[in-house]
Amino acid sequence: MGPLAEVVFVADFIEPGRDFQGVAEARRVSARNLRKGVLTKAAMTIGFLLAKGMKIHLRLLETWNDYLEP
């Protein structure tokens, strides 16, 4: 992902109207390091989907794997 795609990927997740456990931390991480913000959003979304027994889109898993690499 380029920088603009990273911003779009994270922006909706951390927008001011969101109120869920961990959103403040996601905002803090994203403000300091956008790449880590992408990882944080991916991790939180994957965790949520796993807890609900829902399917995880392959692109989300690919994003997670790609952003783990330095």
C-alpha atoms as a PDB file:
ATOM      1  CA  MET A   1       0.000   0.000   0.000  1.00  0.00           C
ATOM      2  CA  GLY A   2       1.122   3.508  -0.671  1.00  0.00           C
ATOM      3  CA  PRO A   3       0.790   6.271   1.919  1.00  0.00           C
ATOM      4  CA  LEU A   4      -2.612   7.440   0.660  1.00  0.00           C
ATOM      5  CA  ALA A   5      -4.021   3.897   0.750  1.00  0.00           C
ATOM      6  CA  GLU A   6      -2.644   3.465   4.274  1.00  0.00           C
ATOM      7  CA  VAL A   7      -4.405   6.648   5.397  1.00  0.00           C
ATOM      8  CA  VAL A   8      -7.702   5.536   3.862  1.00  0.00           C
ATOM      9  CA  PHE A   9      -7.322   2.030   5.354  1.00  0.00           C
ATOM     10  CA  VAL A  10      -6.842   3.417   8.866  1.00  0.00           C
ATOM     11  CA  ALA A  11      -8.940   6.621   8.730  1.00  0.00           C
ATOM     12  CA  ASP A  12     -12.415   5.117   8.946  1.00  0.00           C
ATOM     13  CA  PHE A  13     -11.316   2.815  11.756  1.00  0.00           C
ATOM     14  CA  ILE A  14     -10.046   5.642  13.979  1.00  0.00           C
ATOM     15  CA  GLU A  15     -12.403   8.486  13.012  1.00  0.00           C
ATOM     16  CA  PRO A  16     -13.690  10.576  15.934  1.00  0.00           C
ATOM     17  CA  GLY A  17     -17.153   8.993  15.914  1.00  0.00           C
ATOM     18  CA  ARG A  18     -15.767   5.542  16.717  1.00  0.00           C
ATOM     19  CA  ASP A  19     -16.026   4.333  20.284  1.00  0.00           C
ATOM     20  CA  PHE A  20     -14.780   0.825  20.942  1.00  0.00           C
ATOM     21  CA  GLN A  21     -12.197  -0.727  23.211  1.00  0.00           C
ATOM     22  CA  GLY A  22      -8.741   0.005  21.835  1.00  0.00           C
ATOM     23  CA  VAL A  23      -9.638   2.870  19.498  1.00  0.00           C
ATOM     24  CA  ALA A  24      -7.655   5.403  21.545  1.00  0.00           C
ATOM     25  CA  GLU A  25      -4.569   3.196  21.300  1.00  0.00           C
ATOM     26  CA  ALA A  26      -5.127   2.720  17.558  1.00  0.00           C
ATOM     27  CA  ARG A  27      -5.308   6.512  17.160  1.00  0.00           C
ATOM     28  CA  ARG A  28      -2.128   7.027  19.171  1.00  0.00           C
ATOM     29  CA  VAL A  29      -0.179   4.384  17.243  1.00  0.00           C
ATOM     30  CA  SER A  30      -1.441   5.629  13.868  1.00  0.00           C
ATOM     31  CA  ALA A  31      -0.501   9.236  14.682  1.00  0.00           C
ATOM     32  CA  ARG A  32       3.057   8.199  15.507  1.00  0.00           C
ATOM     33  CA  ASN A  33       3.641   5.631  12.772  1.00  0.00           C
ATOM     34  CA  LEU A  34       1.175   4.984   9.954  1.00  0.00           C
ATOM     35  CA  ARG A  35       2.695   1.599   9.108  1.00  0.00           C
ATOM     36  CA  LYS A  36       2.173   0.459  12.708  1.00  0.00           C
ATOM     37  CA  GLY A  37      -1.320   1.932  12.530  1.00  0.00           C
ATOM     38  CA  VAL A  38      -2.083  -0.366   9.594  1.00  0.00           C
ATOM     39  CA  LEU A  39      -0.822  -3.341  11.607  1.00  0.00           C
ATOM     40  CA  THR A  40      -2.858  -2.280  14.630  1.00  0.00           C
ATOM     41  CA  LYS A  41      -6.043  -1.945  12.591  1.00  0.00           C
ATOM     42  CA  ALA A  42      -5.435  -5.295  10.904  1.00  0.00           C
ATOM     43  CA  ALA A  43      -4.721  -7.029  14.229  1.00  0.00           C
ATOM     44  CA  MET A  44      -7.797  -5.594  15.909  1.00  0.00           C
ATOM     45  CA  THR A  45     -10.042  -6.457  12.969  1.00  0.00           C
ATOM     46  CA  ILE A  46      -8.672  -9.996  12.694  1.00  0.00           C
ATOM     47  CA  GLY A  47      -9.124 -10.493  16.447  1.00  0.00           C
ATOM     48  CA  PHE A  48     -12.712  -9.219  16.277  1.00  0.00           C
ATOM     49  CA  LEU A  49     -13.574 -11.491  13.357  1.00  0.00           C
ATOM     50  CA  LEU A  50     -11.984 -14.532  15.015  1.00  0.00           C
ATOM     51  CA  ALA A  51     -13.876 -13.871  18.253  1.00  0.00           C
ATOM     52  CA  LYS A  52     -17.147 -13.739  16.291  1.00  0.00           C
ATOM     53  CA  GLY A  53     -16.319 -16.853  14.255  1.00  0.00           C
ATOM     54  CA  MET A  54     -16.498 -14.842  11.049  1.00  0.00           C
ATOM     55  CA  LYS A  55     -14.576 -15.176   7.812  1.00  0.00           C
ATOM     56  CA  ILE A  56     -11.432 -13.099   7.309  1.00  0.00           C
ATOM     57  CA  HIS A  57     -10.887 -11.673   3.856  1.00  0.00           C
ATOM     58  CA  LEU A  58      -7.669 -12.879   2.261  1.00  0.00           C
ATOM     59  CA  ARG A  59      -6.566  -9.306   1.508  1.00  0.00           C
ATOM     60  CA  LEU A  60      -6.679  -8.474   5.207  1.00  0.00           C
ATOM     61  CA  LEU A  61      -4.480 -11.482   5.944  1.00  0.00           C
ATOM     62  CA  GLU A  62      -2.139 -10.481   3.110  1.00  0.00           C
ATOM     63  CA  THR A  63      -1.962  -6.952   4.517  1.00  0.00           C
ATOM     64  CA  TRP A  64      -1.107  -8.348   7.951  1.00  0.00           C
ATOM     65  CA  ASN A  65       1.625 -10.576   6.521  1.00  0.00           C
ATOM     66  CA  ASP A  66       3.056  -7.845   4.268  1.00  0.00           C
ATOM     67  CA  TYR A  67       3.239  -5.290   7.064  1.00  0.00           C
ATOM     68  CA  LEU A  68       4.965  -7.679   9.464  1.00  0.00           C
ATOM     69  CA  GLU A  69       8.009  -7.549   7.220  1.00  0.00           C
ATOM     70  CA  PRO A  70      10.364  -4.592   7.860  1.00  0.00           C
END
